[in-house]
């Protein structure tokens, strides 16, 4: 059951990040962005603020915020990588 909740919350975080960044992503990509973004947020942001992410089964408001910021950061990285390849 935790995996299902993890996928749903990851999808919602990915969707919120794509709405914030004004990108059009599909449902599957939103889930991927949410989960990988949470991992990125856990790797980069968690040590700075001392909060775990949804990937560590912590569903608190600070962990959702760190996961969201990680997803936004991931979308920024993808945006700049795509922009650099278009000449």
PDB file of N, CA and C in Angstrom:
ATOM      1  N   UNK A   1       0.825  -1.200   0.000  1.00  0.00           N
ATOM      2  CA  UNK A   1       0.000   0.000   0.000  1.00  0.00           C
ATOM      3  C   UNK A   1       0.864   1.257   0.000  1.00  0.00           C
ATOM      4  N   UNK A   2       2.037   1.211   0.663  1.00  0.00           N
ATOM      5  CA  UNK A   2       2.911   2.386   0.678  1.00  0.00           C
ATOM      6  C   UNK A   2       3.399   2.753  -0.714  1.00  0.00           C
ATOM      7  N   UNK A   3       3.626   1.746  -1.564  1.00  0.00           N
ATOM      8  CA  UNK A   3       4.096   2.037  -2.920  1.00  0.00           C
ATOM      9  C   UNK A   3       3.023   2.784  -3.705  1.00  0.00           C
ATOM     10  N   UNK A   4       1.772   2.394  -3.539  1.00  0.00           N
ATOM     11  CA  UNK A   4       0.678   3.073  -4.224  1.00  0.00           C
ATOM     12  C   UNK A   4       0.578   4.528  -3.765  1.00  0.00           C
ATOM     13  N   UNK A   5       0.662   4.756  -2.486  1.00  0.00           N
ATOM     14  CA  UNK A   5       0.614   6.122  -1.945  1.00  0.00           C
ATOM     15  C   UNK A   5       1.817   6.914  -2.440  1.00  0.00           C
ATOM     16  N   UNK A   6       2.979   6.277  -2.468  1.00  0.00           N
ATOM     17  CA  UNK A   6       4.207   6.908  -2.931  1.00  0.00           C
ATOM     18  C   UNK A   6       4.068   7.341  -4.385  1.00  0.00           C
ATOM     19  N   UNK A   7       3.478   6.488  -5.236  1.00  0.00           N
ATOM     20  CA  UNK A   7       3.274   6.825  -6.639  1.00  0.00           C
ATOM     21  C   UNK A   7       2.269   7.961  -6.812  1.00  0.00           C
ATOM     22  N   UNK A   8       1.193   7.920  -6.042  1.00  0.00           N
ATOM     23  CA  UNK A   8       0.168   8.973  -6.139  1.00  0.00           C
ATOM     24  C   UNK A   8       0.733  10.310  -5.676  1.00  0.00           C
ATOM     25  N   UNK A   9       1.413  10.316  -4.543  1.00  0.00           N
ATOM     26  CA  UNK A   9       1.985  11.570  -4.026  1.00  0.00           C
ATOM     27  C   UNK A   9       3.090  12.064  -4.957  1.00  0.00           C
ATOM     28  N   UNK A  10       3.906  11.152  -5.483  1.00  0.00           N
ATOM     29  CA  UNK A  10       4.933  11.540  -6.450  1.00  0.00           C
ATOM     30  C   UNK A  10       4.316  12.146  -7.698  1.00  0.00           C
ATOM     31  N   UNK A  11       3.210  11.569  -8.161  1.00  0.00           N
ATOM     32  CA  UNK A  11       2.510  12.123  -9.318  1.00  0.00           C
ATOM     33  C   UNK A  11       1.955  13.505  -9.042  1.00  0.00           C
ATOM     34  N   UNK A  12       1.396  13.689  -7.860  1.00  0.00           N
ATOM     35  CA  UNK A  12       0.858  15.006  -7.502  1.00  0.00           C
ATOM     36  C   UNK A  12       1.962  16.046  -7.375  1.00  0.00           C
ATOM     37  N   UNK A  13       3.094  15.647  -6.807  1.00  0.00           N
ATOM     38  CA  UNK A  13       4.222  16.575  -6.687  1.00  0.00           C
ATOM     39  C   UNK A  13       4.762  16.914  -8.071  1.00  0.00           C
ATOM     40  N   UNK A  14       4.882  15.915  -8.944  1.00  0.00           N
ATOM     41  CA  UNK A  14       5.331  16.168 -10.314  1.00  0.00           C
ATOM     42  C   UNK A  14       4.377  17.070 -11.065  1.00  0.00           C
ATOM     43  N   UNK A  15       3.065  16.847 -10.869  1.00  0.00           N
ATOM     44  CA  UNK A  15       2.062  17.696 -11.513  1.00  0.00           C
ATOM     45  C   UNK A  15       2.173  19.130 -11.004  1.00  0.00           C
ATOM     46  N   UNK A  16       2.305  19.295  -9.690  1.00  0.00           N
ATOM     47  CA  UNK A  16       2.408  20.636  -9.114  1.00  0.00           C
ATOM     48  C   UNK A  16       3.671  21.341  -9.606  1.00  0.00           C
ATOM     49  N   UNK A  17       4.767  20.607  -9.700  1.00  0.00           N
ATOM     50  CA  UNK A  17       6.011  21.199 -10.197  1.00  0.00           C
ATOM     51  C   UNK A  17       5.878  21.595 -11.664  1.00  0.00           C
ATOM     52  N   UNK A  18       5.214  20.764 -12.471  1.00  0.00           N
ATOM     53  CA  UNK A  18       5.040  21.114 -13.882  1.00  0.00           C
ATOM     54  C   UNK A  18       4.094  22.305 -14.032  1.00  0.00           C
ATOM     55  N   UNK A  19       3.093  22.437 -13.173  1.00  0.00           N
ATOM     56  CA  UNK A  19       2.220  23.613 -13.205  1.00  0.00           C
ATOM     57  C   UNK A  19       3.006  24.858 -12.789  1.00  0.00           C
ATOM     58  N   UNK A  20       3.857  24.726 -11.789  1.00  0.00           N
ATOM     59  CA  UNK A  20       4.670  25.842 -11.315  1.00  0.00           C
ATOM     60  C   UNK A  20       5.647  26.302 -12.398  1.00  0.00           C
ATOM     61  N   UNK A  21       6.234  25.338 -13.112  1.00  0.00           N
ATOM     62  CA  UNK A  21       7.207  25.656 -14.158  1.00  0.00           C
ATOM     63  C   UNK A  21       6.537  25.918 -15.510  1.00  0.00           C
ATOM     64  N   UNK A  22       5.214  25.746 -15.584  1.00  0.00           N
ATOM     65  CA  UNK A  22       4.426  25.958 -16.796  1.00  0.00           C
ATOM     66  C   UNK A  22       4.914  25.081 -17.950  1.00  0.00           C
ATOM     67  N   UNK A  23       5.073  23.795 -17.657  1.00  0.00           N
ATOM     68  CA  UNK A  23       5.423  22.816 -18.677  1.00  0.00           C
ATOM     69  C   UNK A  23       4.270  21.843 -18.825  1.00  0.00           C
ATOM     70  N   UNK A  24       4.172  21.211 -19.962  1.00  0.00           N
ATOM     71  CA  UNK A  24       3.133  20.218 -20.202  1.00  0.00           C
ATOM     72  C   UNK A  24       3.764  18.836 -20.136  1.00  0.00           C
ATOM     73  N   UNK A  25       3.428  18.079 -19.127  1.00  0.00           N
ATOM     74  CA  UNK A  25       3.947  16.731 -18.946  1.00  0.00           C
ATOM     75  C   UNK A  25       2.773  15.769 -18.887  1.00  0.00           C
ATOM     76  N   UNK A  26       3.011  14.515 -19.217  1.00  0.00           N
ATOM     77  CA  UNK A  26       1.975  13.502 -19.110  1.00  0.00           C
ATOM     78  C   UNK A  26       1.914  12.936 -17.700  1.00  0.00           C
ATOM     79  N   UNK A  27       0.941  12.089 -17.459  1.00  0.00           N
ATOM     80  CA  UNK A  27       0.747  11.515 -16.125  1.00  0.00           C
ATOM     81  C   UNK A  27       1.958  10.701 -15.700  1.00  0.00           C
ATOM     82  N   UNK A  28       2.443   9.847 -16.587  1.00  0.00           N
ATOM     83  CA  UNK A  28       3.592   9.002 -16.254  1.00  0.00           C
ATOM     84  C   UNK A  28       4.830   9.845 -15.988  1.00  0.00           C
ATOM     85  N   UNK A  29       5.044  10.856 -16.805  1.00  0.00           N
ATOM     86  CA  UNK A  29       6.209  11.715 -16.606  1.00  0.00           C
ATOM     87  C   UNK A  29       6.080  12.530 -15.319  1.00  0.00           C
ATOM     88  N   UNK A  30       4.866  12.909 -14.947  1.00  0.00           N
ATOM     89  CA  UNK A  30       4.671  13.603 -13.672  1.00  0.00           C
ATOM     90  C   UNK A  30       5.079  12.722 -12.497  1.00  0.00           C
ATOM     91  N   UNK A  31       4.730  11.436 -12.563  1.00  0.00           N
ATOM     92  CA  UNK A  31       5.109  10.506 -11.499  1.00  0.00           C
ATOM     93  C   UNK A  31       6.625  10.381 -11.443  1.00  0.00           C
ATOM     94  N   UNK A  32       7.246  10.240 -12.606  1.00  0.00           N
ATOM     95  CA  UNK A  32       8.703  10.104 -12.662  1.00  0.00           C
ATOM     96  C   UNK A  32       9.381  11.370 -12.143  1.00  0.00           C
ATOM     97  N   UNK A  33       8.899  12.529 -12.561  1.00  0.00           N
ATOM     98  CA  UNK A  33       9.468  13.797 -12.102  1.00  0.00           C
ATOM     99  C   UNK A  33       9.292  13.946 -10.593  1.00  0.00           C
ATOM    100  N   UNK A  34       8.127  13.568 -10.083  1.00  0.00           N
ATOM    101  CA  UNK A  34       7.885  13.673  -8.645  1.00  0.00           C
ATOM    102  C   UNK A  34       8.799  12.773  -7.829  1.00  0.00           C
ATOM    103  N   UNK A  35       8.984  11.533  -8.268  1.00  0.00           N
ATOM    104  CA  UNK A  35       9.807  10.590  -7.512  1.00  0.00           C
ATOM    105  C   UNK A  35      11.295  10.915  -7.638  1.00  0.00           C
ATOM    106  N   UNK A  36      11.750  11.165  -8.869  1.00  0.00           N
ATOM    107  CA  UNK A  36      13.167  11.504  -9.048  1.00  0.00           C
ATOM    108  C   UNK A  36      13.468  12.870  -8.440  1.00  0.00           C
ATOM    109  N   UNK A  37      12.528  13.790  -8.551  1.00  0.00           N
ATOM    110  CA  UNK A  37      12.706  15.100  -7.921  1.00  0.00           C
ATOM    111  C   UNK A  37      12.778  15.000  -6.409  1.00  0.00           C
ATOM    112  N   UNK A  38      11.992  14.099  -5.828  1.00  0.00           N
ATOM    113  CA  UNK A  38      12.071  13.892  -4.383  1.00  0.00           C
ATOM    114  C   UNK A  38      13.419  13.303  -3.997  1.00  0.00           C
ATOM    115  N   UNK A  39      13.942  12.409  -4.825  1.00  0.00           N
ATOM    116  CA  UNK A  39      15.269  11.848  -4.555  1.00  0.00           C
ATOM    117  C   UNK A  39      16.342  12.934  -4.674  1.00  0.00           C
ATOM    118  N   UNK A  40      16.210  13.788  -5.692  1.00  0.00           N
ATOM    119  CA  UNK A  40      17.150  14.891  -5.867  1.00  0.00           C
ATOM    120  C   UNK A  40      17.056  15.875  -4.707  1.00  0.00           C
ATOM    121  N   UNK A  41      15.837  16.175  -4.305  1.00  0.00           N
ATOM    122  CA  UNK A  41      15.650  17.056  -3.148  1.00  0.00           C
ATOM    123  C   UNK A  41      16.213  16.449  -1.878  1.00  0.00           C
ATOM    124  N   UNK A  42      16.068  15.140  -1.728  1.00  0.00           N
ATOM    125  CA  UNK A  42      16.626  14.466  -0.567  1.00  0.00           C
ATOM    126  C   UNK A  42      18.138  14.482  -0.563  1.00  0.00           C
ATOM    127  N   UNK A  43      18.719  14.404  -1.745  1.00  0.00           N
ATOM    128  CA  UNK A  43      20.170  14.383  -1.845  1.00  0.00           C
ATOM    129  C   UNK A  43      20.767  15.778  -1.660  1.00  0.00           C
ATOM    130  N   UNK A  44      20.110  16.799  -2.241  1.00  0.00           N
ATOM    131  CA  UNK A  44      20.660  18.151  -2.193  1.00  0.00           C
ATOM    132  C   UNK A  44      20.103  19.012  -1.058  1.00  0.00           C
ATOM    133  N   UNK A  45      18.794  18.959  -0.840  1.00  0.00           N
ATOM    134  CA  UNK A  45      18.159  19.897   0.083  1.00  0.00           C
ATOM    135  C   UNK A  45      17.999  19.375   1.506  1.00  0.00           C
ATOM    136  N   UNK A  46      17.797  18.067   1.647  1.00  0.00           N
ATOM    137  CA  UNK A  46      17.567  17.511   2.986  1.00  0.00           C
ATOM    138  C   UNK A  46      18.699  17.780   3.961  1.00  0.00           C
ATOM    139  N   UNK A  47      19.966  17.642   3.540  1.00  0.00           N
ATOM    140  CA  UNK A  47      21.028  17.963   4.503  1.00  0.00           C
ATOM    141  C   UNK A  47      21.043  19.432   4.929  1.00  0.00           C
ATOM    142  N   UNK A  48      20.570  20.310   4.053  1.00  0.00           N
ATOM    143  CA  UNK A  48      20.571  21.739   4.382  1.00  0.00           C
ATOM    144  C   UNK A  48      19.470  22.110   5.366  1.00  0.00           C
ATOM    145  N   UNK A  49      18.295  21.482   5.232  1.00  0.00           N
ATOM    146  CA  UNK A  49      17.160  21.852   6.076  1.00  0.00           C
ATOM    147  C   UNK A  49      16.837  20.803   7.138  1.00  0.00           C
ATOM    148  N   UNK A  50      17.436  19.627   7.040  1.00  0.00           N
ATOM    149  CA  UNK A  50      17.230  18.595   8.051  1.00  0.00           C
ATOM    150  C   UNK A  50      15.876  17.912   7.996  1.00  0.00           C
ATOM    151  N   UNK A  51      15.296  17.810   6.799  1.00  0.00           N
ATOM    152  CA  UNK A  51      13.985  17.187   6.631  1.00  0.00           C
ATOM    153  C   UNK A  51      14.121  16.079   5.598  1.00  0.00           C
ATOM    154  N   UNK A  52      13.505  14.947   5.859  1.00  0.00           N
ATOM    155  CA  UNK A  52      13.529  13.868   4.870  1.00  0.00           C
ATOM    156  C   UNK A  52      12.463  14.128   3.810  1.00  0.00           C
ATOM    157  N   UNK A  53      12.432  13.276   2.779  1.00  0.00           N
ATOM    158  CA  UNK A  53      11.481  13.459   1.688  1.00  0.00           C
ATOM    159  C   UNK A  53      10.454  12.345   1.694  1.00  0.00           C
ATOM    160  N   UNK A  54       9.565  12.374   0.708  1.00  0.00           N
ATOM    161  CA  UNK A  54       8.542  11.326   0.616  1.00  0.00           C
ATOM    162  C   UNK A  54       9.159   9.979   0.303  1.00  0.00           C
ATOM    163  N   UNK A  55      10.374   9.956  -0.242  1.00  0.00           N
ATOM    164  CA  UNK A  55      11.032   8.691  -0.544  1.00  0.00           C
ATOM    165  C   UNK A  55      11.431   7.939   0.722  1.00  0.00           C
ATOM    166  N   UNK A  56      11.509   8.613   1.854  1.00  0.00           N
ATOM    167  CA  UNK A  56      11.801   7.965   3.126  1.00  0.00           C
ATOM    168  C   UNK A  56      10.521   7.708   3.922  1.00  0.00           C
ATOM    169  N   UNK A  57       9.390   7.663   3.253  1.00  0.00           N
ATOM    170  CA  UNK A  57       8.065   7.410   3.854  1.00  0.00           C
ATOM    171  C   UNK A  57       7.709   8.430   4.926  1.00  0.00           C
ATOM    172  N   UNK A  58       8.071   9.670   4.695  1.00  0.00           N
ATOM    173  CA  UNK A  58       7.732  10.754   5.599  1.00  0.00           C
ATOM    174  C   UNK A  58       6.780  11.685   4.855  1.00  0.00           C
ATOM    175  N   UNK A  59       5.507  11.644   5.221  1.00  0.00           N
ATOM    176  CA  UNK A  59       4.503  12.442   4.530  1.00  0.00           C
ATOM    177  C   UNK A  59       4.077  13.627   5.373  1.00  0.00           C
ATOM    178  N   UNK A  60       5.034  14.480   5.726  1.00  0.00           N
ATOM    179  CA  UNK A  60       4.725  15.697   6.458  1.00  0.00           C
ATOM    180  C   UNK A  60       4.798  16.878   5.483  1.00  0.00           C
ATOM    181  N   UNK A  61       4.343  18.017   5.908  1.00  0.00           N
ATOM    182  CA  UNK A  61       4.355  19.205   5.054  1.00  0.00           C
ATOM    183  C   UNK A  61       5.788  19.599   4.675  1.00  0.00           C
ATOM    184  N   UNK A  62       6.747  19.625   5.612  1.00  0.00           N
ATOM    185  CA  UNK A  62       8.120  19.959   5.201  1.00  0.00           C
ATOM    186  C   UNK A  62       8.718  18.950   4.212  1.00  0.00           C
ATOM    187  N   UNK A  63       8.404  17.664   4.369  1.00  0.00           N
ATOM    188  CA  UNK A  63       8.949  16.677   3.435  1.00  0.00           C
ATOM    189  C   UNK A  63       8.314  16.833   2.057  1.00  0.00           C
ATOM    190  N   UNK A  64       7.037  17.176   2.009  1.00  0.00           N
ATOM    191  CA  UNK A  64       6.391  17.430   0.724  1.00  0.00           C
ATOM    192  C   UNK A  64       6.981  18.664   0.048  1.00  0.00           C
ATOM    193  N   UNK A  65       7.308  19.671   0.834  1.00  0.00           N
ATOM    194  CA  UNK A  65       7.905  20.880   0.290  1.00  0.00           C
ATOM    195  C   UNK A  65       9.301  20.603  -0.267  1.00  0.00           C
ATOM    196  N   UNK A  66      10.109  19.840   0.451  1.00  0.00           N
ATOM    197  CA  UNK A  66      11.452  19.484  -0.036  1.00  0.00           C
ATOM    198  C   UNK A  66      11.336  18.651  -1.308  1.00  0.00           C
ATOM    199  N   UNK A  67      10.391  17.728  -1.348  1.00  0.00           N
ATOM    200  CA  UNK A  67      10.177  16.909  -2.541  1.00  0.00           C
ATOM    201  C   UNK A  67       9.722  17.775  -3.718  1.00  0.00           C
ATOM    202  N   UNK A  68       8.837  18.721  -3.464  1.00  0.00           N
ATOM    203  CA  UNK A  68       8.373  19.644  -4.501  1.00  0.00           C
ATOM    204  C   UNK A  68       9.526  20.486  -5.038  1.00  0.00           C
ATOM    205  N   UNK A  69      10.345  21.014  -4.155  1.00  0.00           N
ATOM    206  CA  UNK A  69      11.487  21.826  -4.595  1.00  0.00           C
ATOM    207  C   UNK A  69      12.478  20.997  -5.399  1.00  0.00           C
ATOM    208  N   UNK A  70      12.655  19.735  -5.029  1.00  0.00           N
ATOM    209  CA  UNK A  70      13.509  18.846  -5.808  1.00  0.00           C
ATOM    210  C   UNK A  70      12.946  18.606  -7.199  1.00  0.00           C
ATOM    211  N   UNK A  71      11.628  18.458  -7.311  1.00  0.00           N
ATOM    212  CA  UNK A  71      10.986  18.260  -8.612  1.00  0.00           C
ATOM    213  C   UNK A  71      11.115  19.512  -9.476  1.00  0.00           C
ATOM    214  N   UNK A  72      10.959  20.673  -8.884  1.00  0.00           N
ATOM    215  CA  UNK A  72      11.140  21.930  -9.620  1.00  0.00           C
ATOM    216  C   UNK A  72      12.579  22.041 -10.093  1.00  0.00           C
ATOM    217  N   UNK A  73      13.532  21.694  -9.239  1.00  0.00           N
ATOM    218  CA  UNK A  73      14.942  21.727  -9.607  1.00  0.00           C
ATOM    219  C   UNK A  73      15.222  20.773 -10.769  1.00  0.00           C
ATOM    220  N   UNK A  74      14.625  19.596 -10.727  1.00  0.00           N
ATOM    221  CA  UNK A  74      14.787  18.636 -11.821  1.00  0.00           C
ATOM    222  C   UNK A  74      14.229  19.196 -13.125  1.00  0.00           C
ATOM    223  N   UNK A  75      13.063  19.821 -13.081  1.00  0.00           N
ATOM    224  CA  UNK A  75      12.492  20.410 -14.292  1.00  0.00           C
ATOM    225  C   UNK A  75      13.348  21.563 -14.815  1.00  0.00           C
ATOM    226  N   UNK A  76      13.967  22.331 -13.920  1.00  0.00           N
ATOM    227  CA  UNK A  76      14.887  23.392 -14.354  1.00  0.00           C
ATOM    228  C   UNK A  76      16.092  22.810 -15.069  1.00  0.00           C
ATOM    229  N   UNK A  77      16.642  21.742 -14.529  1.00  0.00           N
ATOM    230  CA  UNK A  77      17.806  21.094 -15.148  1.00  0.00           C
ATOM    231  C   UNK A  77      17.438  20.574 -16.533  1.00  0.00           C
ATOM    232  N   UNK A  78      16.284  19.922 -16.639  1.00  0.00           N
ATOM    233  CA  UNK A  78      15.838  19.394 -17.938  1.00  0.00           C
ATOM    234  C   UNK A  78      15.597  20.535 -18.918  1.00  0.00           C
ATOM    235  N   UNK A  79      14.994  21.622 -18.445  1.00  0.00           N
ATOM    236  CA  UNK A  79      14.727  22.771 -19.313  1.00  0.00           C
ATOM    237  C   UNK A  79      16.025  23.342 -19.881  1.00  0.00           C
ATOM    238  N   UNK A  80      17.025  23.536 -19.023  1.00  0.00           N
ATOM    239  CA  UNK A  80      18.282  24.096 -19.496  1.00  0.00           C
ATOM    240  C   UNK A  80      19.050  23.117 -20.379  1.00  0.00           C
ATOM    241  N   UNK A  81      18.919  21.843 -20.124  1.00  0.00           N
ATOM    242  CA  UNK A  81      19.574  20.836 -20.984  1.00  0.00           C
ATOM    243  C   UNK A  81      18.930  20.813 -22.364  1.00  0.00           C
ATOM    244  N   UNK A  82      17.615  20.909 -22.426  1.00  0.00           N
ATOM    245  CA  UNK A  82      16.925  20.943 -23.721  1.00  0.00           C
ATOM    246  C   UNK A  82      17.225  22.225 -24.467  1.00  0.00           C
ATOM    247  N   UNK A  83      17.278  23.332 -23.767  1.00  0.00           N
ATOM    248  CA  UNK A  83      17.533  24.613 -24.394  1.00  0.00           C
ATOM    249  C   UNK A  83      18.942  24.659 -24.980  1.00  0.00           C
ATOM    250  N   UNK A  84      19.883  24.016 -24.315  1.00  0.00           N
ATOM    251  CA  UNK A  84      21.258  23.999 -24.790  1.00  0.00           C
ATOM    252  C   UNK A  84      21.451  23.167 -26.036  1.00  0.00           C
ATOM    253  N   UNK A  85      20.582  22.168 -26.266  1.00  0.00           N
ATOM    254  CA  UNK A  85      20.746  21.306 -27.444  1.00  0.00           C
ATOM    255  C   UNK A  85      20.075  21.859 -28.674  1.00  0.00           C
ATOM    256  N   UNK A  86      19.168  22.798 -28.510  1.00  0.00           N
ATOM    257  CA  UNK A  86      18.505  23.427 -29.669  1.00  0.00           C
ATOM    258  C   UNK A  86      19.356  24.599 -30.150  1.00  0.00           C
ATOM    259  N   UNK A  87      19.887  24.502 -31.299  1.00  0.00           N
ATOM    260  CA  UNK A  87      20.796  25.531 -31.752  1.00  0.00           C
ATOM    261  C   UNK A  87      20.142  26.599 -32.451  1.00  0.00           C
TER     262      UNK A  87
END
